[in-house]
Amino acid sequence: MTETRFDVGMTCDGCANAVKRILGKIDGVTNIDTNVEEKKVVVEHSDSVSKEVMLEKLLKWSQASGKSVALAA
């Protein structure tokens, strides 16, 4: 398993649930941990899932919601 971290401008549980729903639809994603207070998302996934695909999906949500999304440093 691989772990990828994102910085996401979540402000409530609704945001966190949206992120989980979006990433959960990707084949190979096995676990999604969101932390609204720290604005962090940690995704566990198989090696077949690229961070670019996950980022692209989150960026589409970002454009609609106005929330920030970036790969964590």
C-alpha atoms as a PDB file:
ATOM      1  CA  MET A   1       0.000   0.000   0.000  1.00  0.00           C
ATOM      2  CA  THR A   2       1.004   3.561  -0.714  1.00  0.00           C
ATOM      3  CA  GLU A   3       0.040   6.640   1.279  1.00  0.00           C
ATOM      4  CA  THR A   4      -0.627  10.042  -0.291  1.00  0.00           C
ATOM      5  CA  ARG A   5      -1.338  13.225   1.675  1.00  0.00           C
ATOM      6  CA  PHE A   6      -3.319  16.255   0.584  1.00  0.00           C
ATOM      7  CA  ASP A   7      -3.874  19.700   2.073  1.00  0.00           C
ATOM      8  CA  VAL A   8      -7.576  20.412   1.587  1.00  0.00           C
ATOM      9  CA  GLY A   9      -9.421  23.562   2.705  1.00  0.00           C
ATOM     10  CA  MET A  10     -12.197  21.634   4.447  1.00  0.00           C
ATOM     11  CA  THR A  11     -14.324  23.697   6.815  1.00  0.00           C
ATOM     12  CA  CYS A  12     -16.895  21.135   7.997  1.00  0.00           C
ATOM     13  CA  ASP A  13     -17.871  17.470   8.047  1.00  0.00           C
ATOM     14  CA  GLY A  14     -19.784  18.026   4.810  1.00  0.00           C
ATOM     15  CA  CYS A  15     -16.496  18.865   3.081  1.00  0.00           C
ATOM     16  CA  ALA A  16     -14.799  15.832   4.637  1.00  0.00           C
ATOM     17  CA  ASN A  17     -17.625  13.553   3.520  1.00  0.00           C
ATOM     18  CA  ALA A  18     -17.465  14.956  -0.022  1.00  0.00           C
ATOM     19  CA  VAL A  19     -13.718  14.265  -0.163  1.00  0.00           C
ATOM     20  CA  LYS A  20     -14.266  10.707   1.116  1.00  0.00           C
ATOM     21  CA  ARG A  21     -17.049  10.120  -1.401  1.00  0.00           C
ATOM     22  CA  ILE A  22     -14.965  11.404  -4.334  1.00  0.00           C
ATOM     23  CA  LEU A  23     -11.803   9.471  -3.466  1.00  0.00           C
ATOM     24  CA  GLY A  24     -13.742   6.368  -2.426  1.00  0.00           C
ATOM     25  CA  LYS A  25     -15.011   5.948  -5.998  1.00  0.00           C
ATOM     26  CA  ILE A  26     -11.466   5.385  -7.291  1.00  0.00           C
ATOM     27  CA  ASP A  27     -10.585   1.699  -7.703  1.00  0.00           C
ATOM     28  CA  GLY A  28      -7.603   0.848  -5.517  1.00  0.00           C
ATOM     29  CA  VAL A  29      -8.274   3.397  -2.755  1.00  0.00           C
ATOM     30  CA  THR A  30      -8.486   1.411   0.482  1.00  0.00           C
ATOM     31  CA  ASN A  31      -8.696   4.038   3.253  1.00  0.00           C
ATOM     32  CA  ILE A  32      -9.322   7.778   3.517  1.00  0.00           C
ATOM     33  CA  ASP A  33      -8.629   9.686   6.731  1.00  0.00           C
ATOM     34  CA  THR A  34      -9.808  13.293   6.885  1.00  0.00           C
ATOM     35  CA  ASN A  35      -8.987  15.855   9.570  1.00  0.00           C
ATOM     36  CA  VAL A  36     -11.066  19.022   9.242  1.00  0.00           C
ATOM     37  CA  GLU A  37      -9.221  20.926  11.995  1.00  0.00           C
ATOM     38  CA  GLU A  38      -5.790  20.335  10.435  1.00  0.00           C
ATOM     39  CA  LYS A  39      -7.206  20.448   6.864  1.00  0.00           C
ATOM     40  CA  LYS A  40      -5.367  17.205   6.007  1.00  0.00           C
ATOM     41  CA  VAL A  41      -6.404  14.139   4.040  1.00  0.00           C
ATOM     42  CA  VAL A  42      -4.411  10.890   4.092  1.00  0.00           C
ATOM     43  CA  VAL A  43      -5.257   8.310   1.434  1.00  0.00           C
ATOM     44  CA  GLU A  44      -4.071   4.698   1.483  1.00  0.00           C
ATOM     45  CA  HIS A  45      -4.152   3.098  -1.930  1.00  0.00           C
ATOM     46  CA  SER A  46      -2.644   0.470  -4.178  1.00  0.00           C
ATOM     47  CA  ASP A  47       0.341   1.328  -6.345  1.00  0.00           C
ATOM     48  CA  SER A  48      -1.963   1.353  -9.383  1.00  0.00           C
ATOM     49  CA  VAL A  49      -3.593   4.604  -8.188  1.00  0.00           C
ATOM     50  CA  SER A  50      -1.626   7.717  -9.081  1.00  0.00           C
ATOM     51  CA  LYS A  51      -1.604  10.809  -6.920  1.00  0.00           C
ATOM     52  CA  GLU A  52      -2.269  12.821 -10.073  1.00  0.00           C
ATOM     53  CA  VAL A  53      -5.609  11.052 -10.648  1.00  0.00           C
ATOM     54  CA  MET A  54      -6.679  11.698  -7.062  1.00  0.00           C
ATOM     55  CA  LEU A  55      -5.552  15.324  -7.279  1.00  0.00           C
ATOM     56  CA  GLU A  56      -7.475  15.818 -10.539  1.00  0.00           C
ATOM     57  CA  LYS A  57     -10.690  14.523  -8.922  1.00  0.00           C
ATOM     58  CA  LEU A  58     -10.216  16.748  -5.870  1.00  0.00           C
ATOM     59  CA  LEU A  59      -9.463  19.785  -8.047  1.00  0.00           C
ATOM     60  CA  LYS A  60     -12.812  19.351  -9.845  1.00  0.00           C
ATOM     61  CA  TRP A  61     -14.517  19.454  -6.443  1.00  0.00           C
ATOM     62  CA  SER A  62     -12.324  22.415  -5.488  1.00  0.00           C
ATOM     63  CA  GLN A  63     -13.501  24.428  -8.487  1.00  0.00           C
ATOM     64  CA  ALA A  64     -17.148  23.766  -7.622  1.00  0.00           C
ATOM     65  CA  SER A  65     -16.800  24.314  -3.873  1.00  0.00           C
ATOM     66  CA  GLY A  66     -14.205  27.075  -3.778  1.00  0.00           C
ATOM     67  CA  LYS A  67     -12.054  25.044  -1.349  1.00  0.00           C
ATOM     68  CA  SER A  68      -8.273  24.797  -1.756  1.00  0.00           C
ATOM     69  CA  VAL A  69      -6.635  21.482  -2.689  1.00  0.00           C
ATOM     70  CA  ALA A  70      -2.928  20.627  -2.983  1.00  0.00           C
ATOM     71  CA  LEU A  71      -0.585  17.703  -2.561  1.00  0.00           C
ATOM     72  CA  ALA A  72       0.973  17.945   0.878  1.00  0.00           C
ATOM     73  CA  ALA A  73       4.670  18.761   0.945  1.00  0.00           C
END
